[in-house]
Amino acid sequence: QGFCHVNVGMSEQQVYDLVGAPLDTWTNMDSSVSMRWSKSPGDTNFRCRVLEFVNGIVKEKHAEYYVD
């Protein structure tokens, strides 16, 4: 499976089952929780994979190729 199969409305557990645990987790000012599954290896291009959760459910999905 993979990140492309993650959809808005999925539970945290469903996401973990598909892609494993995130690299980073943080709480946003609105109390939602964001999790990141990719990081830049330096100042270079990379795939950005971030999910925002509200009450343990995916609210937003950010999946793009970041060009630096």
PDB file of N, CA and C in Angstrom:
ATOM      1  N   GLN A   1       0.844  -1.168   0.000  1.00  0.00           N
ATOM      2  CA  GLN A   1       0.000   0.000   0.000  1.00  0.00           C
ATOM      3  C   GLN A   1       0.892   1.234   0.000  1.00  0.00           C
ATOM      4  N   GLY A   2       0.361   2.380   0.404  1.00  0.00           N
ATOM      5  CA  GLY A   2       1.170   3.580   0.441  1.00  0.00           C
ATOM      6  C   GLY A   2       0.355   4.810   0.712  1.00  0.00           C
ATOM      7  N   PHE A   3       1.059   5.931   0.781  1.00  0.00           N
ATOM      8  CA  PHE A   3       0.429   7.193   1.135  1.00  0.00           C
ATOM      9  C   PHE A   3      -0.670   7.587   0.154  1.00  0.00           C
ATOM     10  N   CYS A   4      -0.551   7.176  -1.093  1.00  0.00           N
ATOM     11  CA  CYS A   4      -1.574   7.534  -2.090  1.00  0.00           C
ATOM     12  C   CYS A   4      -2.928   6.903  -1.759  1.00  0.00           C
ATOM     13  N   HIS A   5      -2.959   5.877  -0.918  1.00  0.00           N
ATOM     14  CA  HIS A   5      -4.203   5.217  -0.538  1.00  0.00           C
ATOM     15  C   HIS A   5      -4.845   5.828   0.708  1.00  0.00           C
ATOM     16  N   VAL A   6      -4.190   6.796   1.325  1.00  0.00           N
ATOM     17  CA  VAL A   6      -4.748   7.482   2.494  1.00  0.00           C
ATOM     18  C   VAL A   6      -5.760   8.509   2.013  1.00  0.00           C
ATOM     19  N   ASN A   7      -6.920   8.544   2.666  1.00  0.00           N
ATOM     20  CA  ASN A   7      -7.988   9.465   2.269  1.00  0.00           C
ATOM     21  C   ASN A   7      -8.534  10.230   3.464  1.00  0.00           C
ATOM     22  N   VAL A   8      -9.087  11.412   3.193  1.00  0.00           N
ATOM     23  CA  VAL A   8      -9.790  12.180   4.205  1.00  0.00           C
ATOM     24  C   VAL A   8     -10.901  11.296   4.758  1.00  0.00           C
ATOM     25  N   GLY A   9     -11.068  11.329   6.085  1.00  0.00           N
ATOM     26  CA  GLY A   9     -12.098  10.540   6.734  1.00  0.00           C
ATOM     27  C   GLY A   9     -11.583   9.247   7.355  1.00  0.00           C
ATOM     28  N   MET A  10     -10.348   8.871   7.048  1.00  0.00           N
ATOM     29  CA  MET A  10      -9.773   7.656   7.627  1.00  0.00           C
ATOM     30  C   MET A  10      -9.352   7.910   9.067  1.00  0.00           C
ATOM     31  N   SER A  11      -9.354   6.851   9.873  1.00  0.00           N
ATOM     32  CA  SER A  11      -8.910   6.964  11.261  1.00  0.00           C
ATOM     33  C   SER A  11      -7.388   6.903  11.324  1.00  0.00           C
ATOM     34  N   GLU A  12      -6.865   7.354  12.456  1.00  0.00           N
ATOM     35  CA  GLU A  12      -5.426   7.287  12.684  1.00  0.00           C
ATOM     36  C   GLU A  12      -4.917   5.850  12.534  1.00  0.00           C
ATOM     37  N   GLN A  13      -5.651   4.889  13.084  1.00  0.00           N
ATOM     38  CA  GLN A  13      -5.237   3.490  13.012  1.00  0.00           C
ATOM     39  C   GLN A  13      -5.218   2.987  11.573  1.00  0.00           C
ATOM     40  N   GLN A  14      -6.197   3.364  10.776  1.00  0.00           N
ATOM     41  CA  GLN A  14      -6.213   2.971   9.366  1.00  0.00           C
ATOM     42  C   GLN A  14      -4.992   3.522   8.643  1.00  0.00           C
ATOM     43  N   VAL A  15      -4.629   4.768   8.945  1.00  0.00           N
ATOM     44  CA  VAL A  15      -3.442   5.377   8.329  1.00  0.00           C
ATOM     45  C   VAL A  15      -2.189   4.622   8.751  1.00  0.00           C
ATOM     46  N   TYR A  16      -2.047   4.347  10.053  1.00  0.00           N
ATOM     47  CA  TYR A  16      -0.878   3.606  10.547  1.00  0.00           C
ATOM     48  C   TYR A  16      -0.779   2.244   9.882  1.00  0.00           C
ATOM     49  N   ASP A  17      -1.923   1.579   9.682  1.00  0.00           N
ATOM     50  CA  ASP A  17      -1.922   0.262   9.035  1.00  0.00           C
ATOM     51  C   ASP A  17      -1.410   0.342   7.598  1.00  0.00           C
ATOM     52  N   LEU A  18      -1.674   1.456   6.923  1.00  0.00           N
ATOM     53  CA  LEU A  18      -1.230   1.629   5.538  1.00  0.00           C
ATOM     54  C   LEU A  18       0.221   2.084   5.412  1.00  0.00           C
ATOM     55  N   VAL A  19       0.613   3.062   6.244  1.00  0.00           N
ATOM     56  CA  VAL A  19       1.917   3.706   6.027  1.00  0.00           C
ATOM     57  C   VAL A  19       2.846   3.689   7.236  1.00  0.00           C
ATOM     58  N   GLY A  20       2.409   3.108   8.345  1.00  0.00           N
ATOM     59  CA  GLY A  20       3.258   3.055   9.533  1.00  0.00           C
ATOM     60  C   GLY A  20       3.200   4.346  10.329  1.00  0.00           C
ATOM     61  N   ALA A  21       4.035   4.411  11.336  1.00  0.00           N
ATOM     62  CA  ALA A  21       4.070   5.571  12.235  1.00  0.00           C
ATOM     63  C   ALA A  21       4.722   6.774  11.545  1.00  0.00           C
ATOM     64  N   PRO A  22       4.289   7.984  11.904  1.00  0.00           N
ATOM     65  CA  PRO A  22       4.868   9.195  11.302  1.00  0.00           C
ATOM     66  C   PRO A  22       6.268   9.487  11.838  1.00  0.00           C
ATOM     67  N   LEU A  23       6.992  10.309  11.095  1.00  0.00           N
ATOM     68  CA  LEU A  23       8.319  10.767  11.533  1.00  0.00           C
ATOM     69  C   LEU A  23       8.189  11.857  12.594  1.00  0.00           C
ATOM     70  N   ASP A  24       7.171  12.718  12.450  1.00  0.00           N
ATOM     71  CA  ASP A  24       6.955  13.841  13.366  1.00  0.00           C
ATOM     72  C   ASP A  24       5.465  14.018  13.612  1.00  0.00           C
ATOM     73  N   THR A  25       5.134  14.503  14.807  1.00  0.00           N
ATOM     74  CA  THR A  25       3.760  14.823  15.176  1.00  0.00           C
ATOM     75  C   THR A  25       3.773  16.134  15.946  1.00  0.00           C
ATOM     76  N   TRP A  26       2.813  17.033  15.658  1.00  0.00           N
ATOM     77  CA  TRP A  26       2.715  18.283  16.401  1.00  0.00           C
ATOM     78  C   TRP A  26       1.255  18.719  16.484  1.00  0.00           C
ATOM     79  N   THR A  27       0.947  19.507  17.506  1.00  0.00           N
ATOM     80  CA  THR A  27      -0.393  20.046  17.695  1.00  0.00           C
ATOM     81  C   THR A  27      -0.432  21.466  17.149  1.00  0.00           C
ATOM     82  N   ASN A  28      -1.435  21.755  16.346  1.00  0.00           N
ATOM     83  CA  ASN A  28      -1.600  23.067  15.730  1.00  0.00           C
ATOM     84  C   ASN A  28      -2.347  24.007  16.671  1.00  0.00           C
ATOM     85  N   MET A  29      -2.355  25.291  16.344  1.00  0.00           N
ATOM     86  CA  MET A  29      -3.008  26.294  17.196  1.00  0.00           C
ATOM     87  C   MET A  29      -4.504  26.034  17.354  1.00  0.00           C
ATOM     88  N   ASP A  30      -5.140  25.386  16.371  1.00  0.00           N
ATOM     89  CA  ASP A  30      -6.575  25.099  16.461  1.00  0.00           C
ATOM     90  C   ASP A  30      -6.850  23.749  17.128  1.00  0.00           C
ATOM     91  N   SER A  31      -5.830  23.152  17.733  1.00  0.00           N
ATOM     92  CA  SER A  31      -5.896  21.864  18.437  1.00  0.00           C
ATOM     93  C   SER A  31      -5.953  20.649  17.521  1.00  0.00           C
ATOM     94  N   SER A  32      -5.928  20.852  16.205  1.00  0.00           N
ATOM     95  CA  SER A  32      -5.792  19.706  15.315  1.00  0.00           C
ATOM     96  C   SER A  32      -4.368  19.172  15.458  1.00  0.00           C
ATOM     97  N   VAL A  33      -4.149  17.967  14.987  1.00  0.00           N
ATOM     98  CA  VAL A  33      -2.828  17.338  15.093  1.00  0.00           C
ATOM     99  C   VAL A  33      -2.318  17.055  13.687  1.00  0.00           C
ATOM    100  N   SER A  34      -1.100  17.459  13.390  1.00  0.00           N
ATOM    101  CA  SER A  34      -0.477  17.173  12.099  1.00  0.00           C
ATOM    102  C   SER A  34       0.605  16.125  12.280  1.00  0.00           C
ATOM    103  N   MET A  35       0.735  15.271  11.267  1.00  0.00           N
ATOM    104  CA  MET A  35       1.759  14.235  11.270  1.00  0.00           C
ATOM    105  C   MET A  35       2.449  14.228   9.921  1.00  0.00           C
ATOM    106  N   ARG A  36       3.766  14.016   9.960  1.00  0.00           N
ATOM    107  CA  ARG A  36       4.571  14.055   8.739  1.00  0.00           C
ATOM    108  C   ARG A  36       5.225  12.692   8.505  1.00  0.00           C
ATOM    109  N   TRP A  37       5.163  12.231   7.244  1.00  0.00           N
ATOM    110  CA  TRP A  37       5.767  10.956   6.866  1.00  0.00           C
ATOM    111  C   TRP A  37       6.952  11.142   5.930  1.00  0.00           C
ATOM    112  N   SER A  38       7.414  12.372   5.745  1.00  0.00           N
ATOM    113  CA  SER A  38       8.600  12.607   4.900  1.00  0.00           C
ATOM    114  C   SER A  38       9.310  13.860   5.381  1.00  0.00           C
ATOM    115  N   LYS A  39      10.602  13.907   5.132  1.00  0.00           N
ATOM    116  CA  LYS A  39      11.424  15.074   5.470  1.00  0.00           C
ATOM    117  C   LYS A  39      12.403  15.320   4.338  1.00  0.00           C
ATOM    118  N   SER A  40      12.799  16.557   4.215  1.00  0.00           N
ATOM    119  CA  SER A  40      13.826  16.895   3.241  1.00  0.00           C
ATOM    120  C   SER A  40      15.158  16.321   3.707  1.00  0.00           C
ATOM    121  N   PRO A  41      15.892  15.658   2.811  1.00  0.00           N
ATOM    122  CA  PRO A  41      17.201  15.137   3.184  1.00  0.00           C
ATOM    123  C   PRO A  41      18.251  16.246   3.307  1.00  0.00           C
ATOM    124  N   GLY A  42      17.864  17.459   3.066  1.00  0.00           N
ATOM    125  CA  GLY A  42      18.753  18.628   3.111  1.00  0.00           C
ATOM    126  C   GLY A  42      18.031  19.734   2.369  1.00  0.00           C
ATOM    127  N   ASP A  43      18.750  20.661   1.846  1.00  0.00           N
ATOM    128  CA  ASP A  43      18.126  21.708   1.041  1.00  0.00           C
ATOM    129  C   ASP A  43      17.998  21.212  -0.390  1.00  0.00           C
ATOM    130  N   THR A  44      17.009  20.354  -0.591  1.00  0.00           N
ATOM    131  CA  THR A  44      16.833  19.740  -1.894  1.00  0.00           C
ATOM    132  C   THR A  44      15.361  19.416  -2.122  1.00  0.00           C
ATOM    133  N   ASN A  45      15.022  18.957  -3.298  1.00  0.00           N
ATOM    134  CA  ASN A  45      13.659  18.573  -3.637  1.00  0.00           C
ATOM    135  C   ASN A  45      13.277  17.312  -2.858  1.00  0.00           C
ATOM    136  N   PHE A  46      11.985  17.207  -2.487  1.00  0.00           N
ATOM    137  CA  PHE A  46      11.538  16.009  -1.780  1.00  0.00           C
ATOM    138  C   PHE A  46      10.020  15.890  -1.840  1.00  0.00           C
ATOM    139  N   ARG A  47       9.517  14.714  -1.531  1.00  0.00           N
ATOM    140  CA  ARG A  47       8.076  14.493  -1.450  1.00  0.00           C
ATOM    141  C   ARG A  47       7.582  14.928  -0.083  1.00  0.00           C
ATOM    142  N   CYS A  48       6.555  15.754  -0.067  1.00  0.00           N
ATOM    143  CA  CYS A  48       5.942  16.242   1.172  1.00  0.00           C
ATOM    144  C   CYS A  48       4.707  15.388   1.434  1.00  0.00           C
ATOM    145  N   ARG A  49       4.678  14.740   2.608  1.00  0.00           N
ATOM    146  CA  ARG A  49       3.539  13.895   2.977  1.00  0.00           C
ATOM    147  C   ARG A  49       3.123  14.243   4.399  1.00  0.00           C
ATOM    148  N   VAL A  50       2.050  15.026   4.531  1.00  0.00           N
ATOM    149  CA  VAL A  50       1.566  15.488   5.836  1.00  0.00           C
ATOM    150  C   VAL A  50       0.050  15.289   5.898  1.00  0.00           C
ATOM    151  N   LEU A  51      -0.414  14.816   7.061  1.00  0.00           N
ATOM    152  CA  LEU A  51      -1.848  14.684   7.309  1.00  0.00           C
ATOM    153  C   LEU A  51      -2.222  15.534   8.505  1.00  0.00           C
ATOM    154  N   GLU A  52      -3.411  16.113   8.458  1.00  0.00           N
ATOM    155  CA  GLU A  52      -3.949  16.844   9.599  1.00  0.00           C
ATOM    156  C   GLU A  52      -5.152  16.059  10.119  1.00  0.00           C
ATOM    157  N   PHE A  53      -5.150  15.792  11.428  1.00  0.00           N
ATOM    158  CA  PHE A  53      -6.211  15.016  12.072  1.00  0.00           C
ATOM    159  C   PHE A  53      -7.026  15.894  13.018  1.00  0.00           C
ATOM    160  N   VAL A  54      -8.325  15.650  13.055  1.00  0.00           N
ATOM    161  CA  VAL A  54      -9.216  16.252  14.046  1.00  0.00           C
ATOM    162  C   VAL A  54      -9.963  15.089  14.699  1.00  0.00           C
ATOM    163  N   ASN A  55      -9.829  14.979  16.012  1.00  0.00           N
ATOM    164  CA  ASN A  55     -10.452  13.878  16.755  1.00  0.00           C
ATOM    165  C   ASN A  55     -10.074  12.512  16.195  1.00  0.00           C
ATOM    166  N   GLY A  56      -8.806  12.370  15.765  1.00  0.00           N
ATOM    167  CA  GLY A  56      -8.306  11.083  15.293  1.00  0.00           C
ATOM    168  C   GLY A  56      -8.710  10.700  13.886  1.00  0.00           C
ATOM    169  N   ILE A  57      -9.302  11.639  13.138  1.00  0.00           N
ATOM    170  CA  ILE A  57      -9.757  11.391  11.764  1.00  0.00           C
ATOM    171  C   ILE A  57      -9.039  12.349  10.824  1.00  0.00           C
ATOM    172  N   VAL A  58      -8.601  11.847   9.655  1.00  0.00           N
ATOM    173  CA  VAL A  58      -7.914  12.693   8.671  1.00  0.00           C
ATOM    174  C   VAL A  58      -8.866  13.781   8.187  1.00  0.00           C
ATOM    175  N   LYS A  59      -8.443  15.040   8.398  1.00  0.00           N
ATOM    176  CA  LYS A  59      -9.209  16.201   7.941  1.00  0.00           C
ATOM    177  C   LYS A  59      -8.646  16.729   6.618  1.00  0.00           C
ATOM    178  N   GLU A  60      -7.295  16.753   6.515  1.00  0.00           N
ATOM    179  CA  GLU A  60      -6.634  17.244   5.304  1.00  0.00           C
ATOM    180  C   GLU A  60      -5.430  16.381   4.982  1.00  0.00           C
ATOM    181  N   LYS A  61      -5.171  16.245   3.699  1.00  0.00           N
ATOM    182  CA  LYS A  61      -4.011  15.480   3.217  1.00  0.00           C
ATOM    183  C   LYS A  61      -3.188  16.396   2.329  1.00  0.00           C
ATOM    184  N   HIS A  62      -1.900  16.480   2.624  1.00  0.00           N
ATOM    185  CA  HIS A  62      -0.965  17.260   1.815  1.00  0.00           C
ATOM    186  C   HIS A  62       0.062  16.291   1.246  1.00  0.00           C
ATOM    187  N   ALA A  63      -0.017  16.055  -0.043  1.00  0.00           N
ATOM    188  CA  ALA A  63       0.916  15.150  -0.695  1.00  0.00           C
ATOM    189  C   ALA A  63       1.350  15.821  -2.005  1.00  0.00           C
ATOM    190  N   GLU A  64       2.597  16.262  -2.021  1.00  0.00           N
ATOM    191  CA  GLU A  64       3.097  16.974  -3.187  1.00  0.00           C
ATOM    192  C   GLU A  64       4.605  16.796  -3.283  1.00  0.00           C
ATOM    193  N   TYR A  65       5.139  17.187  -4.416  1.00  0.00           N
ATOM    194  CA  TYR A  65       6.573  17.150  -4.595  1.00  0.00           C
ATOM    195  C   TYR A  65       7.081  18.574  -4.412  1.00  0.00           C
ATOM    196  N   TYR A  66       7.881  18.800  -3.377  1.00  0.00           N
ATOM    197  CA  TYR A  66       8.387  20.132  -3.059  1.00  0.00           C
ATOM    198  C   TYR A  66       9.699  20.360  -3.809  1.00  0.00           C
ATOM    199  N   VAL A  67       9.739  21.438  -4.567  1.00  0.00           N
ATOM    200  CA  VAL A  67      10.939  21.787  -5.325  1.00  0.00           C
ATOM    201  C   VAL A  67      11.615  22.960  -4.631  1.00  0.00           C
ATOM    202  N   ASP A  68      12.868  22.755  -4.231  1.00  0.00           N
ATOM    203  CA  ASP A  68      13.606  23.781  -3.526  1.00  0.00           C
ATOM    204  C   ASP A  68      14.599  24.455  -4.456  1.00  0.00           C
TER     205      ASP A  68
END
